[in-house]
Amino acid sequence: MMLTTDEGKQILVDPWIDGNPQTDLDLDVKCDAILVTHGHHDHSGDMIEISKRNNAPIIGMPELVHYAQSQGAPEGHPMNLGGKWTFDFGTVKVIHAQHSSSLEINGLPVYMGEACGYMVTADDKTIYFAGDTSNFGDMSLFGNGFDIDVAVLPIGGNFTMGPEEAASAAKRLKAKHVVPIHYNTFPLIKQDPTAFAALLPEGVVEIVKPGESVTV
């Protein structure tokens, strides 16, 4: 997923492109920074290659950033849960997520730090990238602490929360709009996004297909 600011800054989120049937991007994608929520291949798979091609810093957990740099990625920006930093494109707050985080190296899973989400504020708008997560109580705190314009939430089930849990989370987040992600890339996370949309008030859910965008 790509976030583009009014000034044209492009922030790539969880870059899995090679082998992903649900993206219109390719490895020549241009970006100024890369946000990675956790180490699983379907979120971090192309972070190193794209970072090298664009000289773009990877922003993420210290373990993940350190690994990327050890593989030739340019200097990144390590952050941790609760951390906040202002970049040239906006402010990033690292938010708790309930998920695991590892990357398979030489056939074995290697720990990549905690999984997380990001609350990104740019151009006076706030976008919540939840990453992979379950539905958990602190989302009520997020809804009270931030004026969330768009929440990007997984609905796939099995590995993350499913449609019903994501709808519950959206209500407590008080998000003006919700973009469902992490579904239909493989059979275990097959979902109907229109059924998810029906669980929330009309106009809240924005179903985004490859190549489409949402303007905030």
N, C-alpha and C. Protein backbone atom coordinates (compact mmCIF):
# COMPACT_ATOMS: atom_id res chain seq x y z
N MET A 1 0.85 -1.19 0.00
CA MET A 1 0.00 0.00 0.00
C MET A 1 0.88 1.24 0.00
N MET A 2 0.47 2.26 -0.73
CA MET A 2 1.24 3.49 -0.84
C MET A 2 0.45 4.67 -0.27
N LEU A 3 1.12 5.46 0.57
CA LEU A 3 0.56 6.71 1.08
C LEU A 3 1.27 7.86 0.37
N THR A 4 0.51 8.72 -0.29
CA THR A 4 1.08 9.86 -1.00
C THR A 4 0.59 11.15 -0.36
N THR A 5 1.52 12.02 0.03
CA THR A 5 1.15 13.28 0.68
C THR A 5 0.87 14.36 -0.36
N ASP A 6 0.36 15.48 0.11
CA ASP A 6 0.07 16.60 -0.79
C ASP A 6 1.33 17.09 -1.50
N GLU A 7 2.49 16.98 -0.83
CA GLU A 7 3.75 17.43 -1.42
C GLU A 7 4.37 16.38 -2.33
N GLY A 8 3.71 15.23 -2.45
CA GLY A 8 4.21 14.20 -3.34
C GLY A 8 5.13 13.18 -2.71
N LYS A 9 5.32 13.25 -1.39
CA LYS A 9 6.10 12.23 -0.70
C LYS A 9 5.34 10.90 -0.76
N GLN A 10 6.07 9.84 -1.04
CA GLN A 10 5.45 8.52 -1.17
C GLN A 10 6.02 7.57 -0.13
N ILE A 11 5.14 7.04 0.71
CA ILE A 11 5.53 6.14 1.78
C ILE A 11 4.90 4.79 1.49
N LEU A 12 5.75 3.81 1.25
CA LEU A 12 5.30 2.46 0.94
C LEU A 12 5.12 1.68 2.24
N VAL A 13 3.99 1.00 2.39
CA VAL A 13 3.69 0.27 3.62
C VAL A 13 3.64 -1.23 3.32
N ASP A 14 4.41 -2.01 4.07
CA ASP A 14 4.43 -3.47 3.98
C ASP A 14 4.59 -3.96 2.55
N PRO A 15 5.79 -3.75 1.97
CA PRO A 15 6.00 -4.05 0.55
C PRO A 15 6.22 -5.53 0.24
N TRP A 16 5.14 -6.22 -0.07
CA TRP A 16 5.23 -7.56 -0.66
C TRP A 16 4.64 -7.44 -2.07
N ILE A 17 5.50 -7.48 -3.06
CA ILE A 17 5.11 -7.24 -4.45
C ILE A 17 5.35 -8.48 -5.30
N ASP A 18 6.56 -9.03 -5.25
CA ASP A 18 6.91 -10.19 -6.06
C ASP A 18 6.11 -11.41 -5.60
N GLY A 19 5.23 -11.91 -6.46
CA GLY A 19 4.39 -13.05 -6.14
C GLY A 19 3.07 -12.71 -5.49
N ASN A 20 2.78 -11.43 -5.33
CA ASN A 20 1.52 -11.00 -4.71
C ASN A 20 0.46 -10.80 -5.80
N PRO A 21 -0.61 -11.59 -5.78
CA PRO A 21 -1.63 -11.46 -6.81
C PRO A 21 -2.56 -10.26 -6.62
N GLN A 22 -2.42 -9.58 -5.48
CA GLN A 22 -3.33 -8.49 -5.16
C GLN A 22 -2.65 -7.12 -5.21
N THR A 23 -1.66 -6.96 -6.07
CA THR A 23 -1.02 -5.65 -6.20
C THR A 23 -0.82 -5.31 -7.66
N ASP A 24 -0.85 -4.00 -7.95
CA ASP A 24 -0.55 -3.52 -9.30
C ASP A 24 0.86 -2.94 -9.36
N LEU A 25 1.61 -2.98 -8.25
CA LEU A 25 2.95 -2.42 -8.20
C LEU A 25 3.97 -3.42 -8.71
N ASP A 26 5.15 -2.91 -9.08
CA ASP A 26 6.28 -3.79 -9.41
C ASP A 26 7.49 -3.30 -8.64
N LEU A 27 8.61 -3.99 -8.78
CA LEU A 27 9.79 -3.67 -7.98
C LEU A 27 10.45 -2.36 -8.38
N ASP A 28 9.99 -1.75 -9.47
CA ASP A 28 10.50 -0.43 -9.86
C ASP A 28 9.71 0.70 -9.21
N VAL A 29 8.84 0.37 -8.27
CA VAL A 29 8.04 1.39 -7.60
C VAL A 29 8.94 2.43 -6.94
N LYS A 30 8.53 3.69 -7.01
CA LYS A 30 9.28 4.78 -6.40
C LYS A 30 8.70 5.11 -5.03
N CYS A 31 9.57 5.33 -4.06
CA CYS A 31 9.10 5.71 -2.73
C CYS A 31 10.19 6.48 -2.01
N ASP A 32 9.76 7.23 -0.97
CA ASP A 32 10.69 8.02 -0.17
C ASP A 32 11.00 7.37 1.17
N ALA A 33 10.14 6.48 1.63
CA ALA A 33 10.34 5.76 2.89
C ALA A 33 9.48 4.51 2.86
N ILE A 34 9.84 3.54 3.71
CA ILE A 34 9.13 2.27 3.76
C ILE A 34 8.77 1.96 5.20
N LEU A 35 7.48 1.82 5.48
CA LEU A 35 7.00 1.40 6.79
C LEU A 35 6.73 -0.10 6.76
N VAL A 36 7.26 -0.83 7.74
CA VAL A 36 7.04 -2.27 7.80
C VAL A 36 6.48 -2.61 9.17
N THR A 37 5.30 -3.25 9.19
CA THR A 37 4.63 -3.53 10.45
C THR A 37 5.19 -4.76 11.15
N HIS A 38 5.69 -5.74 10.38
CA HIS A 38 6.28 -6.94 10.99
C HIS A 38 7.02 -7.74 9.94
N GLY A 39 7.69 -8.80 10.38
CA GLY A 39 8.64 -9.47 9.53
C GLY A 39 8.11 -10.49 8.56
N HIS A 40 6.86 -10.94 8.69
CA HIS A 40 6.36 -12.00 7.82
C HIS A 40 6.53 -11.62 6.34
N HIS A 41 6.86 -12.63 5.53
CA HIS A 41 7.22 -12.38 4.13
C HIS A 41 6.15 -11.63 3.36
N ASP A 42 4.87 -11.91 3.67
CA ASP A 42 3.80 -11.25 2.92
C ASP A 42 3.60 -9.79 3.35
N HIS A 43 4.53 -9.28 4.16
CA HIS A 43 4.53 -7.85 4.52
C HIS A 43 5.90 -7.21 4.29
N SER A 44 6.96 -8.00 4.44
CA SER A 44 8.31 -7.44 4.34
C SER A 44 9.09 -7.96 3.14
N GLY A 45 8.48 -8.82 2.34
CA GLY A 45 9.21 -9.60 1.35
C GLY A 45 10.14 -8.83 0.43
N ASP A 46 9.74 -7.62 0.01
CA ASP A 46 10.54 -6.86 -0.95
C ASP A 46 11.11 -5.58 -0.36
N MET A 47 11.12 -5.48 0.97
CA MET A 47 11.56 -4.23 1.60
C MET A 47 13.02 -3.91 1.29
N ILE A 48 13.89 -4.92 1.28
CA ILE A 48 15.31 -4.67 1.08
C ILE A 48 15.59 -4.24 -0.35
N GLU A 49 15.04 -4.95 -1.31
CA GLU A 49 15.27 -4.62 -2.72
C GLU A 49 14.75 -3.22 -3.04
N ILE A 50 13.55 -2.90 -2.59
CA ILE A 50 12.97 -1.58 -2.90
C ILE A 50 13.71 -0.48 -2.16
N SER A 51 14.14 -0.76 -0.93
CA SER A 51 14.92 0.22 -0.18
C SER A 51 16.22 0.55 -0.90
N LYS A 52 16.90 -0.47 -1.41
CA LYS A 52 18.14 -0.26 -2.15
C LYS A 52 17.90 0.56 -3.41
N ARG A 53 16.86 0.22 -4.16
CA ARG A 53 16.60 0.88 -5.44
C ARG A 53 16.28 2.36 -5.27
N ASN A 54 15.67 2.71 -4.14
CA ASN A 54 15.23 4.09 -3.92
C ASN A 54 16.07 4.84 -2.89
N ASN A 55 17.05 4.15 -2.31
CA ASN A 55 17.79 4.71 -1.17
C ASN A 55 16.81 5.21 -0.12
N ALA A 56 15.75 4.43 0.10
CA ALA A 56 14.67 4.81 1.01
C ALA A 56 14.84 4.13 2.35
N PRO A 57 14.76 4.86 3.45
CA PRO A 57 14.92 4.25 4.77
C PRO A 57 13.75 3.34 5.11
N ILE A 58 14.06 2.20 5.72
CA ILE A 58 13.03 1.32 6.27
C ILE A 58 12.77 1.76 7.70
N ILE A 59 11.50 1.98 8.01
CA ILE A 59 11.07 2.37 9.35
C ILE A 59 10.38 1.16 9.97
N GLY A 60 10.85 0.74 11.13
CA GLY A 60 10.26 -0.44 11.75
C GLY A 60 10.94 -0.78 13.05
N MET A 61 10.63 -1.96 13.57
CA MET A 61 11.24 -2.42 14.81
C MET A 61 12.76 -2.53 14.66
N PRO A 62 13.52 -2.28 15.73
CA PRO A 62 14.98 -2.30 15.63
C PRO A 62 15.53 -3.60 15.06
N GLU A 63 14.97 -4.74 15.46
CA GLU A 63 15.48 -6.01 14.96
C GLU A 63 15.30 -6.13 13.45
N LEU A 64 14.15 -5.70 12.96
CA LEU A 64 13.86 -5.77 11.53
C LEU A 64 14.74 -4.82 10.75
N VAL A 65 14.89 -3.59 11.24
CA VAL A 65 15.73 -2.61 10.55
C VAL A 65 17.18 -3.06 10.54
N HIS A 66 17.65 -3.59 11.65
CA HIS A 66 19.04 -4.08 11.72
C HIS A 66 19.26 -5.20 10.71
N TYR A 67 18.32 -6.13 10.62
CA TYR A 67 18.46 -7.21 9.65
C TYR A 67 18.52 -6.66 8.23
N ALA A 68 17.62 -5.73 7.90
CA ALA A 68 17.60 -5.16 6.55
C ALA A 68 18.92 -4.49 6.22
N GLN A 69 19.47 -3.75 7.17
CA GLN A 69 20.75 -3.08 6.93
C GLN A 69 21.88 -4.10 6.78
N SER A 70 21.81 -5.22 7.49
CA SER A 70 22.85 -6.25 7.37
C SER A 70 22.83 -6.90 5.99
N GLN A 71 21.69 -6.76 5.28
CA GLN A 71 21.54 -7.32 3.94
C GLN A 71 21.73 -6.27 2.85
N GLY A 72 22.24 -5.10 3.24
CA GLY A 72 22.59 -4.09 2.25
C GLY A 72 21.63 -2.95 2.09
N ALA A 73 20.53 -2.94 2.84
CA ALA A 73 19.61 -1.80 2.78
C ALA A 73 20.29 -0.57 3.36
N PRO A 74 19.96 0.62 2.86
CA PRO A 74 20.55 1.84 3.44
C PRO A 74 20.10 2.05 4.88
N GLU A 75 20.73 2.98 5.55
CA GLU A 75 20.41 3.23 6.96
C GLU A 75 18.92 3.50 7.13
N GLY A 76 18.30 2.78 8.04
CA GLY A 76 16.88 2.95 8.30
C GLY A 76 16.63 3.74 9.57
N HIS A 77 15.38 3.69 10.03
CA HIS A 77 15.01 4.40 11.24
C HIS A 77 14.31 3.42 12.18
N PRO A 78 15.02 2.87 13.17
CA PRO A 78 14.39 1.94 14.11
C PRO A 78 13.48 2.67 15.08
N MET A 79 12.32 2.07 15.37
CA MET A 79 11.38 2.60 16.34
C MET A 79 10.86 1.43 17.18
N ASN A 80 10.14 1.74 18.25
CA ASN A 80 9.59 0.68 19.07
C ASN A 80 8.23 1.10 19.60
N LEU A 81 7.53 0.16 20.22
CA LEU A 81 6.15 0.39 20.66
C LEU A 81 6.05 1.64 21.53
N GLY A 82 5.11 2.50 21.21
CA GLY A 82 4.91 3.74 21.95
C GLY A 82 5.75 4.89 21.44
N GLY A 83 6.73 4.60 20.56
CA GLY A 83 7.60 5.64 20.05
C GLY A 83 6.91 6.55 19.05
N LYS A 84 7.45 7.73 18.89
CA LYS A 84 6.88 8.74 17.98
C LYS A 84 8.02 9.54 17.38
N TRP A 85 7.92 9.82 16.09
CA TRP A 85 8.97 10.59 15.41
C TRP A 85 8.35 11.38 14.27
N THR A 86 8.88 12.59 14.07
CA THR A 86 8.42 13.43 12.97
C THR A 86 9.42 13.36 11.82
N PHE A 87 8.95 12.87 10.69
CA PHE A 87 9.75 12.78 9.47
C PHE A 87 9.38 13.93 8.54
N ASP A 88 10.05 14.00 7.39
CA ASP A 88 9.74 15.09 6.46
C ASP A 88 8.38 14.93 5.80
N PHE A 89 7.76 13.74 5.90
CA PHE A 89 6.44 13.52 5.32
C PHE A 89 5.32 13.60 6.35
N GLY A 90 5.66 13.57 7.65
CA GLY A 90 4.64 13.61 8.69
C GLY A 90 5.14 12.91 9.95
N THR A 91 4.23 12.69 10.88
CA THR A 91 4.57 12.09 12.17
C THR A 91 4.10 10.64 12.22
N VAL A 92 4.96 9.79 12.76
CA VAL A 92 4.65 8.37 12.90
C VAL A 92 4.64 8.00 14.38
N LYS A 93 3.56 7.41 14.82
CA LYS A 93 3.44 6.87 16.18
C LYS A 93 3.32 5.36 16.06
N VAL A 94 4.17 4.64 16.80
CA VAL A 94 4.16 3.18 16.75
C VAL A 94 3.11 2.66 17.73
N ILE A 95 2.20 1.84 17.20
CA ILE A 95 1.03 1.37 17.94
C ILE A 95 1.13 -0.14 18.15
N HIS A 96 0.68 -0.59 19.30
CA HIS A 96 0.69 -2.01 19.61
C HIS A 96 -0.19 -2.79 18.63
N ALA A 97 0.25 -4.01 18.30
CA ALA A 97 -0.55 -4.96 17.53
C ALA A 97 -0.41 -6.33 18.21
N GLN A 98 -1.39 -7.18 18.00
CA GLN A 98 -1.31 -8.53 18.56
C GLN A 98 -1.10 -9.51 17.40
N HIS A 99 0.16 -9.90 17.25
CA HIS A 99 0.54 -10.76 16.14
C HIS A 99 1.97 -11.24 16.40
N SER A 100 2.46 -12.19 15.62
CA SER A 100 3.85 -12.60 15.71
C SER A 100 4.65 -11.92 14.61
N SER A 101 5.98 -12.07 14.66
CA SER A 101 6.81 -11.41 13.66
C SER A 101 8.12 -12.18 13.48
N SER A 102 8.29 -12.78 12.33
CA SER A 102 9.53 -13.49 12.01
C SER A 102 9.69 -13.52 10.50
N LEU A 103 10.88 -13.86 10.07
CA LEU A 103 11.17 -14.01 8.65
C LEU A 103 11.95 -15.31 8.47
N GLU A 104 11.55 -16.11 7.49
CA GLU A 104 12.23 -17.38 7.27
C GLU A 104 13.58 -17.15 6.61
N ILE A 105 14.63 -17.61 7.29
CA ILE A 105 15.99 -17.48 6.78
C ILE A 105 16.66 -18.85 6.89
N ASN A 106 17.13 -19.35 5.77
CA ASN A 106 17.74 -20.69 5.73
C ASN A 106 16.79 -21.75 6.30
N GLY A 107 15.50 -21.59 5.99
CA GLY A 107 14.52 -22.59 6.37
C GLY A 107 14.00 -22.49 7.78
N LEU A 108 14.45 -21.50 8.55
CA LEU A 108 14.01 -21.37 9.94
C LEU A 108 13.47 -19.96 10.20
N PRO A 109 12.44 -19.84 11.06
CA PRO A 109 11.92 -18.51 11.38
C PRO A 109 12.87 -17.76 12.31
N VAL A 110 13.21 -16.52 11.93
CA VAL A 110 14.10 -15.68 12.73
C VAL A 110 13.29 -14.49 13.26
N TYR A 111 13.39 -14.25 14.55
CA TYR A 111 12.64 -13.18 15.22
C TYR A 111 12.97 -11.81 14.64
N MET A 112 11.95 -11.03 14.34
CA MET A 112 12.12 -9.71 13.75
C MET A 112 11.55 -8.60 14.62
N GLY A 113 11.51 -8.83 15.94
CA GLY A 113 10.94 -7.82 16.82
C GLY A 113 9.44 -7.99 16.93
N GLU A 114 8.81 -7.16 17.74
CA GLU A 114 7.36 -7.22 17.91
C GLU A 114 6.65 -6.78 16.63
N ALA A 115 5.45 -7.31 16.44
CA ALA A 115 4.56 -6.76 15.40
C ALA A 115 4.00 -5.43 15.89
N CYS A 116 3.66 -4.55 14.98
CA CYS A 116 3.14 -3.25 15.38
C CYS A 116 2.21 -2.70 14.32
N GLY A 117 1.57 -1.59 14.64
CA GLY A 117 0.82 -0.79 13.69
C GLY A 117 1.38 0.62 13.72
N TYR A 118 0.90 1.46 12.82
CA TYR A 118 1.39 2.84 12.76
C TYR A 118 0.22 3.81 12.67
N MET A 119 0.30 4.88 13.45
CA MET A 119 -0.62 5.99 13.33
C MET A 119 0.18 7.10 12.64
N VAL A 120 -0.15 7.37 11.39
CA VAL A 120 0.59 8.34 10.58
C VAL A 120 -0.24 9.60 10.42
N THR A 121 0.33 10.73 10.80
CA THR A 121 -0.34 12.02 10.64
C THR A 121 0.42 12.85 9.61
N ALA A 122 -0.26 13.19 8.53
CA ALA A 122 0.34 13.99 7.46
C ALA A 122 -0.75 14.84 6.83
N ASP A 123 -0.41 16.07 6.48
CA ASP A 123 -1.38 16.99 5.86
C ASP A 123 -2.64 17.13 6.72
N ASP A 124 -2.44 17.14 8.05
CA ASP A 124 -3.55 17.31 9.00
C ASP A 124 -4.56 16.17 8.95
N LYS A 125 -4.16 15.02 8.44
CA LYS A 125 -5.00 13.83 8.42
C LYS A 125 -4.27 12.69 9.12
N THR A 126 -5.04 11.79 9.73
CA THR A 126 -4.45 10.67 10.45
C THR A 126 -4.93 9.36 9.87
N ILE A 127 -3.96 8.51 9.50
CA ILE A 127 -4.25 7.20 8.94
C ILE A 127 -3.66 6.15 9.86
N TYR A 128 -4.47 5.18 10.23
CA TYR A 128 -4.03 4.09 11.09
C TYR A 128 -3.80 2.84 10.26
N PHE A 129 -2.54 2.42 10.17
CA PHE A 129 -2.18 1.18 9.50
C PHE A 129 -2.04 0.12 10.59
N ALA A 130 -3.02 -0.75 10.70
CA ALA A 130 -3.04 -1.70 11.80
C ALA A 130 -2.06 -2.85 11.61
N GLY A 131 -1.63 -3.10 10.37
CA GLY A 131 -0.83 -4.29 10.12
C GLY A 131 -1.67 -5.54 10.34
N ASP A 132 -1.03 -6.61 10.74
CA ASP A 132 -1.75 -7.83 11.08
C ASP A 132 -2.02 -7.82 12.58
N THR A 133 -3.26 -8.02 12.96
CA THR A 133 -3.58 -7.97 14.38
C THR A 133 -4.91 -8.63 14.66
N SER A 134 -5.12 -8.96 15.92
CA SER A 134 -6.44 -9.35 16.40
C SER A 134 -7.18 -8.09 16.82
N ASN A 135 -8.39 -8.28 17.26
CA ASN A 135 -9.20 -7.21 17.83
C ASN A 135 -8.88 -7.16 19.33
N PHE A 136 -8.40 -6.04 19.83
CA PHE A 136 -8.03 -5.98 21.24
C PHE A 136 -8.50 -4.67 21.87
N GLY A 137 -8.59 -4.68 23.20
CA GLY A 137 -9.24 -3.59 23.92
C GLY A 137 -8.62 -2.23 23.76
N ASP A 138 -7.29 -2.15 23.55
CA ASP A 138 -6.63 -0.85 23.46
C ASP A 138 -7.06 -0.05 22.25
N MET A 139 -7.75 -0.69 21.32
CA MET A 139 -8.24 0.09 20.17
C MET A 139 -9.22 1.17 20.60
N SER A 140 -9.87 0.97 21.73
CA SER A 140 -10.73 2.02 22.27
C SER A 140 -9.89 3.24 22.68
N LEU A 141 -8.71 2.98 23.23
CA LEU A 141 -7.80 4.08 23.58
C LEU A 141 -7.33 4.81 22.33
N PHE A 142 -7.07 4.05 21.28
CA PHE A 142 -6.65 4.69 20.02
C PHE A 142 -7.76 5.60 19.49
N GLY A 143 -8.99 5.11 19.59
CA GLY A 143 -10.12 5.90 19.10
C GLY A 143 -10.33 7.17 19.90
N ASN A 144 -10.04 7.11 21.19
CA ASN A 144 -10.18 8.30 22.03
C ASN A 144 -8.99 9.24 21.93
N GLY A 145 -7.81 8.69 21.60
CA GLY A 145 -6.60 9.50 21.59
C GLY A 145 -6.26 10.11 20.25
N PHE A 146 -6.87 9.60 19.18
CA PHE A 146 -6.57 10.09 17.84
C PHE A 146 -7.87 10.35 17.07
N ASP A 147 -7.85 11.36 16.25
CA ASP A 147 -8.96 11.63 15.33
C ASP A 147 -8.63 10.93 14.02
N ILE A 148 -9.08 9.69 13.88
CA ILE A 148 -8.65 8.82 12.78
C ILE A 148 -9.52 9.04 11.55
N ASP A 149 -8.89 9.49 10.48
CA ASP A 149 -9.61 9.69 9.23
C ASP A 149 -9.81 8.38 8.48
N VAL A 150 -8.77 7.55 8.43
CA VAL A 150 -8.85 6.27 7.75
C VAL A 150 -8.16 5.21 8.61
N ALA A 151 -8.84 4.08 8.82
CA ALA A 151 -8.23 2.93 9.47
C ALA A 151 -8.08 1.82 8.44
N VAL A 152 -6.87 1.33 8.29
CA VAL A 152 -6.58 0.25 7.35
C VAL A 152 -6.49 -1.03 8.17
N LEU A 153 -7.51 -1.89 8.06
CA LEU A 153 -7.67 -3.02 8.97
C LEU A 153 -7.69 -4.36 8.22
N PRO A 154 -7.05 -5.39 8.79
CA PRO A 154 -7.13 -6.73 8.19
C PRO A 154 -8.48 -7.35 8.49
N ILE A 155 -9.00 -8.14 7.53
CA ILE A 155 -10.28 -8.82 7.74
C ILE A 155 -10.20 -10.30 7.38
N GLY A 156 -9.00 -10.82 7.13
CA GLY A 156 -8.87 -12.15 6.55
C GLY A 156 -9.26 -13.31 7.44
N GLY A 157 -9.21 -13.12 8.78
CA GLY A 157 -9.44 -14.25 9.65
C GLY A 157 -8.25 -15.20 9.61
N ASN A 158 -8.30 -16.26 10.38
CA ASN A 158 -7.26 -17.30 10.50
C ASN A 158 -5.95 -16.75 11.08
N PHE A 159 -5.31 -15.80 10.39
CA PHE A 159 -4.06 -15.22 10.89
C PHE A 159 -4.28 -13.88 11.58
N THR A 160 -5.42 -13.25 11.34
CA THR A 160 -5.75 -11.94 11.92
C THR A 160 -7.22 -11.96 12.31
N MET A 161 -7.71 -10.82 12.76
CA MET A 161 -9.14 -10.73 13.01
C MET A 161 -9.91 -10.88 11.70
N GLY A 162 -11.13 -11.39 11.81
CA GLY A 162 -12.00 -11.54 10.67
C GLY A 162 -12.95 -10.37 10.54
N PRO A 163 -13.92 -10.44 9.63
CA PRO A 163 -14.82 -9.30 9.38
C PRO A 163 -15.57 -8.81 10.61
N GLU A 164 -16.13 -9.72 11.41
CA GLU A 164 -16.92 -9.29 12.57
C GLU A 164 -16.05 -8.57 13.59
N GLU A 165 -14.86 -9.14 13.85
CA GLU A 165 -13.96 -8.51 14.82
C GLU A 165 -13.44 -7.17 14.29
N ALA A 166 -13.16 -7.12 13.00
CA ALA A 166 -12.67 -5.86 12.41
C ALA A 166 -13.75 -4.78 12.47
N ALA A 167 -15.01 -5.16 12.29
CA ALA A 167 -16.10 -4.19 12.40
C ALA A 167 -16.20 -3.66 13.82
N SER A 168 -16.04 -4.55 14.80
CA SER A 168 -16.04 -4.12 16.20
C SER A 168 -14.89 -3.16 16.47
N ALA A 169 -13.71 -3.49 15.94
CA ALA A 169 -12.55 -2.62 16.12
C ALA A 169 -12.79 -1.25 15.48
N ALA A 170 -13.36 -1.25 14.28
CA ALA A 170 -13.61 0.02 13.57
C ALA A 170 -14.51 0.95 14.38
N LYS A 171 -15.52 0.36 15.02
CA LYS A 171 -16.44 1.17 15.82
C LYS A 171 -15.72 1.81 17.00
N ARG A 172 -14.85 1.05 17.65
CA ARG A 172 -14.14 1.58 18.81
C ARG A 172 -13.02 2.54 18.41
N LEU A 173 -12.50 2.37 17.20
CA LEU A 173 -11.51 3.31 16.68
C LEU A 173 -12.14 4.64 16.27
N LYS A 174 -13.45 4.63 16.04
CA LYS A 174 -14.20 5.82 15.60
C LYS A 174 -13.65 6.37 14.29
N ALA A 175 -13.17 5.47 13.44
CA ALA A 175 -12.59 5.89 12.17
C ALA A 175 -13.68 6.39 11.22
N LYS A 176 -13.40 7.49 10.54
CA LYS A 176 -14.36 8.04 9.58
C LYS A 176 -14.52 7.11 8.38
N HIS A 177 -13.40 6.50 7.98
CA HIS A 177 -13.42 5.56 6.86
C HIS A 177 -12.54 4.36 7.21
N VAL A 178 -12.88 3.21 6.65
CA VAL A 178 -12.13 1.98 6.89
C VAL A 178 -11.81 1.32 5.55
N VAL A 179 -10.54 0.95 5.37
CA VAL A 179 -10.11 0.22 4.18
C VAL A 179 -9.74 -1.20 4.62
N PRO A 180 -10.46 -2.22 4.16
CA PRO A 180 -10.11 -3.60 4.52
C PRO A 180 -8.93 -4.11 3.71
N ILE A 181 -8.03 -4.84 4.38
CA ILE A 181 -6.87 -5.42 3.71
C ILE A 181 -6.67 -6.85 4.21
N HIS A 182 -5.62 -7.49 3.70
CA HIS A 182 -5.20 -8.82 4.15
C HIS A 182 -6.31 -9.85 3.98
N TYR A 183 -6.83 -9.92 2.76
CA TYR A 183 -7.84 -10.93 2.44
C TYR A 183 -7.69 -11.31 0.96
N ASN A 184 -8.06 -12.57 0.66
CA ASN A 184 -8.13 -13.09 -0.71
C ASN A 184 -6.79 -13.25 -1.43
N THR A 185 -5.67 -13.13 -0.74
CA THR A 185 -4.39 -13.40 -1.40
C THR A 185 -4.10 -14.89 -1.46
N PHE A 186 -4.71 -15.67 -0.55
CA PHE A 186 -4.61 -17.13 -0.58
C PHE A 186 -5.82 -17.71 0.13
N PRO A 187 -6.12 -19.00 -0.06
CA PRO A 187 -7.40 -19.57 0.39
C PRO A 187 -7.71 -19.41 1.87
N LEU A 188 -6.71 -19.47 2.75
CA LEU A 188 -6.98 -19.40 4.18
C LEU A 188 -7.55 -18.06 4.64
N ILE A 189 -7.42 -17.03 3.81
CA ILE A 189 -7.96 -15.72 4.21
C ILE A 189 -8.99 -15.21 3.18
N LYS A 190 -9.74 -16.15 2.61
CA LYS A 190 -10.78 -15.79 1.66
C LYS A 190 -11.93 -15.09 2.39
N GLN A 191 -12.29 -13.89 1.97
CA GLN A 191 -13.37 -13.12 2.57
C GLN A 191 -14.09 -12.29 1.51
N ASP A 192 -15.33 -11.92 1.82
CA ASP A 192 -16.12 -11.04 0.96
C ASP A 192 -16.12 -9.65 1.58
N PRO A 193 -15.40 -8.69 1.01
CA PRO A 193 -15.33 -7.36 1.61
C PRO A 193 -16.66 -6.64 1.65
N THR A 194 -17.58 -6.98 0.72
CA THR A 194 -18.89 -6.33 0.75
C THR A 194 -19.69 -6.78 1.97
N ALA A 195 -19.49 -8.02 2.41
CA ALA A 195 -20.15 -8.49 3.64
C ALA A 195 -19.59 -7.75 4.84
N PHE A 196 -18.28 -7.48 4.83
CA PHE A 196 -17.69 -6.66 5.89
C PHE A 196 -18.28 -5.26 5.88
N ALA A 197 -18.39 -4.66 4.71
CA ALA A 197 -18.93 -3.31 4.61
C ALA A 197 -20.35 -3.21 5.18
N ALA A 198 -21.11 -4.29 5.04
CA ALA A 198 -22.49 -4.29 5.53
C ALA A 198 -22.57 -4.26 7.05
N LEU A 199 -21.46 -4.53 7.73
CA LEU A 199 -21.45 -4.54 9.19
C LEU A 199 -21.24 -3.14 9.78
N LEU A 200 -20.95 -2.18 8.93
CA LEU A 200 -20.69 -0.80 9.37
C LEU A 200 -21.62 0.15 8.63
N PRO A 201 -21.80 1.37 9.15
CA PRO A 201 -22.70 2.32 8.49
C PRO A 201 -22.31 2.56 7.04
N GLU A 202 -23.31 2.84 6.24
CA GLU A 202 -23.08 3.07 4.81
C GLU A 202 -22.08 4.21 4.60
N GLY A 203 -21.14 4.00 3.70
CA GLY A 203 -20.17 5.03 3.37
C GLY A 203 -18.89 4.98 4.18
N VAL A 204 -18.85 4.14 5.22
CA VAL A 204 -17.65 4.06 6.05
C VAL A 204 -16.57 3.23 5.38
N VAL A 205 -16.93 2.10 4.82
CA VAL A 205 -15.95 1.18 4.25
C VAL A 205 -15.63 1.56 2.81
N GLU A 206 -14.33 1.65 2.53
CA GLU A 206 -13.84 1.90 1.17
C GLU A 206 -13.12 0.64 0.69
N ILE A 207 -13.73 -0.08 -0.24
CA ILE A 207 -13.11 -1.29 -0.79
C ILE A 207 -12.21 -0.86 -1.95
N VAL A 208 -10.91 -1.08 -1.78
CA VAL A 208 -9.92 -0.60 -2.74
C VAL A 208 -9.34 -1.77 -3.50
N LYS A 209 -9.50 -1.77 -4.81
CA LYS A 209 -8.93 -2.81 -5.66
C LYS A 209 -7.55 -2.38 -6.14
N PRO A 210 -6.71 -3.33 -6.60
CA PRO A 210 -5.39 -2.96 -7.13
C PRO A 210 -5.49 -1.88 -8.19
N GLY A 211 -4.69 -0.84 -8.02
CA GLY A 211 -4.70 0.27 -8.96
C GLY A 211 -5.61 1.42 -8.56
N GLU A 212 -6.48 1.19 -7.58
CA GLU A 212 -7.39 2.23 -7.11
C GLU A 212 -6.78 2.95 -5.90
N SER A 213 -7.35 4.10 -5.56
CA SER A 213 -6.85 4.87 -4.42
C SER A 213 -8.02 5.53 -3.69
N VAL A 214 -7.73 5.95 -2.47
CA VAL A 214 -8.68 6.70 -1.65
C VAL A 214 -8.08 8.06 -1.35
N THR A 215 -8.82 9.11 -1.60
CA THR A 215 -8.35 10.47 -1.30
C THR A 215 -8.97 10.93 0.01
N VAL A 216 -8.11 11.38 0.94
CA VAL A 216 -8.57 11.86 2.24
C VAL A 216 -8.51 13.38 2.23
